[in-house]
Protein backbone atom coordinates (compact mmCIF):
# COMPACT_ATOMS: atom_id res chain seq x y z
CA MET A 1 -41.13 188.61 -17.99
CA ASP A 2 -40.51 185.12 -19.32
CA VAL A 3 -41.18 184.33 -22.96
CA THR A 4 -43.92 186.92 -22.66
CA THR A 5 -45.03 189.25 -19.89
CA PHE A 6 -47.55 187.66 -17.51
CA THR A 7 -49.08 188.54 -14.14
CA ALA A 8 -47.34 186.49 -11.48
CA ALA A 9 -48.97 188.10 -8.44
CA SER A 10 -51.09 191.11 -7.57
CA VAL A 11 -52.29 192.94 -4.49
CA GLU A 12 -54.79 195.75 -3.86
CA GLY A 13 -55.20 198.13 -0.97
CA LYS A 14 -55.51 201.74 0.20
CA THR A 15 -52.77 204.17 1.08
CA ASP A 16 -52.38 205.38 4.66
CA HIS A 17 -52.71 209.02 5.78
CA ASP A 18 -49.15 209.68 4.53
CA GLY A 19 -49.97 208.31 1.08
CA ALA A 20 -47.95 205.11 1.55
CA TYR A 21 -49.07 201.53 0.95
CA HIS A 22 -46.80 198.70 2.07
CA PHE A 23 -47.21 195.27 0.52
CA ASP A 24 -45.56 191.90 0.02
CA LEU A 25 -45.83 189.80 -3.13
CA GLN A 26 -45.28 186.06 -3.28
CA LEU A 27 -43.49 185.27 -6.54
CA PRO A 28 -43.83 181.87 -8.24
CA ARG A 29 -41.44 179.21 -6.92
CA TYR A 30 -39.87 178.97 -10.39
CA LEU A 31 -38.96 181.74 -12.81
CA ALA A 32 -37.00 181.12 -16.00
CA GLY A 33 -33.58 182.78 -15.70
CA ARG A 34 -31.11 183.30 -18.52
CA PRO A 35 -27.75 181.49 -18.53
CA LEU A 36 -25.93 184.73 -19.37
CA ASP A 37 -27.42 186.24 -16.20
CA ARG A 38 -26.36 183.13 -14.22
CA GLY A 39 -29.97 182.18 -13.54
CA ALA A 40 -31.16 185.64 -12.48
CA THR A 41 -34.28 187.04 -14.14
CA LYS A 42 -36.20 190.30 -14.38
CA VAL A 43 -39.53 190.92 -12.67
CA LEU A 44 -41.54 194.01 -13.55
CA ILE A 45 -43.20 195.57 -10.50
CA GLU A 46 -46.02 197.76 -11.75
CA ALA A 47 -48.26 199.99 -9.61
CA THR A 48 -51.46 201.76 -10.57
CA VAL A 49 -52.76 204.42 -8.19
CA LYS A 50 -56.24 205.92 -8.46
CA ASP A 51 -57.08 209.16 -6.63
CA THR A 52 -60.45 210.09 -5.12
CA ALA A 53 -61.42 211.86 -8.38
CA GLY A 54 -61.00 208.56 -10.28
CA HIS A 55 -57.78 209.59 -12.09
CA SER A 56 -55.24 206.73 -12.47
CA GLU A 57 -51.45 206.82 -12.87
CA SER A 58 -49.30 203.72 -13.56
CA ARG A 59 -45.57 203.19 -13.27
CA GLY A 60 -43.39 200.10 -13.57
CA GLU A 61 -39.91 199.25 -12.32
CA PRO A 62 -37.98 196.16 -13.44
CA ILE A 63 -36.06 194.43 -10.64
CA THR A 64 -33.66 191.51 -10.86
CA VAL A 65 -34.37 188.43 -8.75
CA SER A 66 -32.19 185.40 -8.13
CA GLU A 67 -32.30 182.20 -6.15
CA SER A 68 -28.95 183.18 -4.62
CA ALA A 69 -28.18 186.22 -2.47
CA PHE A 70 -25.28 186.92 -4.84
CA LEU A 71 -23.68 185.32 -7.89
CA LEU A 72 -20.22 183.79 -8.30
CA THR A 73 -18.26 183.32 -11.52
CA ALA A 74 -14.80 181.87 -12.19
CA ILE A 75 -12.89 182.80 -15.36
CA PRO A 76 -9.50 181.28 -16.26
CA GLU A 77 -6.98 183.87 -17.45
CA GLY A 78 -6.73 182.25 -20.89
CA GLY A 79 -10.48 181.67 -21.25
CA THR A 80 -9.95 177.97 -20.58
CA LEU A 81 -7.47 176.16 -18.33
CA VAL A 82 -4.09 175.40 -19.84
CA PRO A 83 -3.16 171.84 -18.75
CA GLY A 84 0.21 171.34 -17.09
CA LEU A 85 0.81 175.05 -16.43
CA GLU A 86 0.05 177.27 -13.44
CA ASN A 87 -3.22 179.10 -14.22
CA GLN A 88 -4.66 182.22 -12.66
CA VAL A 89 -8.42 182.17 -12.21
CA PHE A 90 -10.42 185.38 -11.76
CA LEU A 91 -13.31 185.06 -9.32
CA VAL A 92 -16.15 187.55 -9.65
CA ALA A 93 -18.84 188.09 -7.01
CA SER A 94 -21.84 190.28 -7.80
CA TYR A 95 -25.37 190.87 -6.64
CA PRO A 96 -28.09 189.97 -9.17
CA ASP A 97 -28.35 193.64 -10.18
CA GLY A 98 -24.63 193.63 -11.13
CA ALA A 99 -23.30 195.51 -8.09
CA PRO A 100 -19.98 194.07 -6.83
CA VAL A 101 -19.83 191.98 -3.65
CA GLU A 102 -17.01 192.05 -1.12
CA ALA A 103 -16.89 188.48 0.17
CA ASN A 104 -14.63 185.89 1.76
CA LEU A 105 -14.28 182.82 -0.44
CA LYS A 106 -13.15 179.28 0.36
CA VAL A 107 -12.27 177.55 -2.92
CA ARG A 108 -11.65 173.79 -3.16
CA SER A 109 -10.47 172.07 -6.31
CA ARG A 110 -11.18 168.47 -7.31
CA SER A 111 -7.61 167.59 -6.36
CA GLY A 112 -8.29 168.69 -2.78
CA ASP A 113 -6.31 171.94 -2.96
CA GLU A 114 -8.02 174.59 -0.81
CA GLN A 115 -7.50 178.36 -0.91
CA ASP A 116 -9.02 181.26 1.02
CA VAL A 117 -9.31 184.54 -0.91
CA SER A 118 -11.35 187.73 -0.56
CA THR A 119 -12.89 189.83 -3.28
CA ASN A 120 -12.01 193.52 -3.39
CA ALA A 121 -14.42 196.47 -3.54
CA GLY A 122 -14.93 195.67 -7.24
CA GLY A 123 -16.02 192.10 -6.44
CA LEU A 124 -12.83 190.55 -7.90
CA ALA A 125 -10.35 188.02 -6.49
CA VAL A 126 -7.56 186.03 -8.14
CA LEU A 127 -6.41 182.53 -7.25
CA THR A 128 -3.77 180.25 -8.70
CA LEU A 129 -4.40 176.67 -9.83
CA LYS A 130 -1.25 174.58 -9.79
CA LYS A 131 -0.87 172.70 -13.08
CA PRO A 132 -4.34 171.26 -13.71
CA LEU A 133 -4.26 168.24 -16.01
CA ARG A 134 -7.88 168.26 -17.15
CA ASP A 135 -11.21 170.01 -16.64
CA GLU A 136 -11.54 171.24 -13.07
CA VAL A 137 -14.51 171.76 -10.78
CA LEU A 138 -14.10 174.46 -8.16
CA GLN A 139 -16.37 174.34 -5.13
CA ILE A 140 -16.74 177.96 -4.00
CA ASP A 141 -18.21 178.76 -0.57
CA ALA A 142 -18.65 182.49 -0.05
CA THR A 143 -19.88 184.82 2.68
CA ASP A 144 -20.51 188.52 2.08
CA LYS A 145 -20.23 191.36 4.62
CA GLU A 146 -23.92 191.00 5.52
CA GLY A 147 -23.43 187.33 6.44
CA GLU A 148 -25.23 185.96 3.35
CA LYS A 149 -23.78 182.61 2.26
CA VAL A 150 -23.57 181.15 -1.25
CA SER A 151 -22.09 177.79 -2.26
CA VAL A 152 -21.68 176.81 -5.92
CA PRO A 153 -19.66 174.37 -8.01
CA VAL A 154 -18.05 175.96 -11.08
CA LEU A 155 -16.79 173.89 -14.01
CA LEU A 156 -13.63 175.16 -15.72
CA GLN A 157 -12.85 173.52 -19.03
CA ALA A 158 -9.29 172.68 -20.08
CA ARG A 159 -7.81 173.13 -23.54
CA ALA A 160 -7.25 170.04 -25.63
CA GLY A 161 -3.82 169.01 -26.91
CA ASP A 162 -0.37 168.45 -25.48
CA ASP A 163 1.49 171.58 -26.61
CA GLN A 164 0.16 174.71 -24.93
CA VAL A 165 1.33 178.29 -24.49
CA LEU A 166 0.03 180.71 -21.89
CA LEU A 167 1.13 184.32 -22.28
CA ARG A 168 0.94 186.38 -19.09
CA ALA A 169 1.83 190.04 -19.58
CA GLU A 170 2.97 192.30 -16.71
CA LYS A 171 0.48 195.01 -17.71
CA ALA A 172 -2.96 194.88 -19.33
CA VAL A 173 -2.16 197.60 -21.91
CA TYR A 174 1.13 198.48 -23.62
CA ARG A 175 1.98 201.57 -25.65
CA ALA A 176 2.71 200.96 -29.35
CA GLY A 177 6.42 200.77 -30.20
CA ILE A 178 7.61 199.59 -26.78
CA ARG A 179 10.61 197.19 -26.86
CA PHE A 180 10.90 194.14 -24.68
CA GLY A 181 13.89 192.36 -23.42
């Protein structure tokens, strides 16, 4: 499914005595992925089965395919990096279908700072960038529990301007009427 649905590959055959038919499909070398899906795209696998009486049944199942075994994303705590302040960056690892990935990550910044972190069962890790002064490129090398490796550069943009504030709360949600300080 690109701009429109098209047939990328097909295969025909007969089921075995247990009613199973095993097949492999060679997909095109290039499929248009969406930026919001980090390059992953949907492929509709559709099967039509005809019995000996000539009756046909068809079913389709969309699957997500990606060039990478899993996807990596980095999100600064303020949406963009705040120059001159310590920033937390959330790292998210997920399979193309959205399932979280537990992985070991080696993260290198442009300044040469290197950190090793691991994602939790939810596919999330947090690292700290020490006072970036401008846009930053993180080189993330990751390995999941199955031994699959992914290496990607991730650009993090910095806010413009000299005067910046970064508010970091102790909790994500506060009850109305609570007093601080």
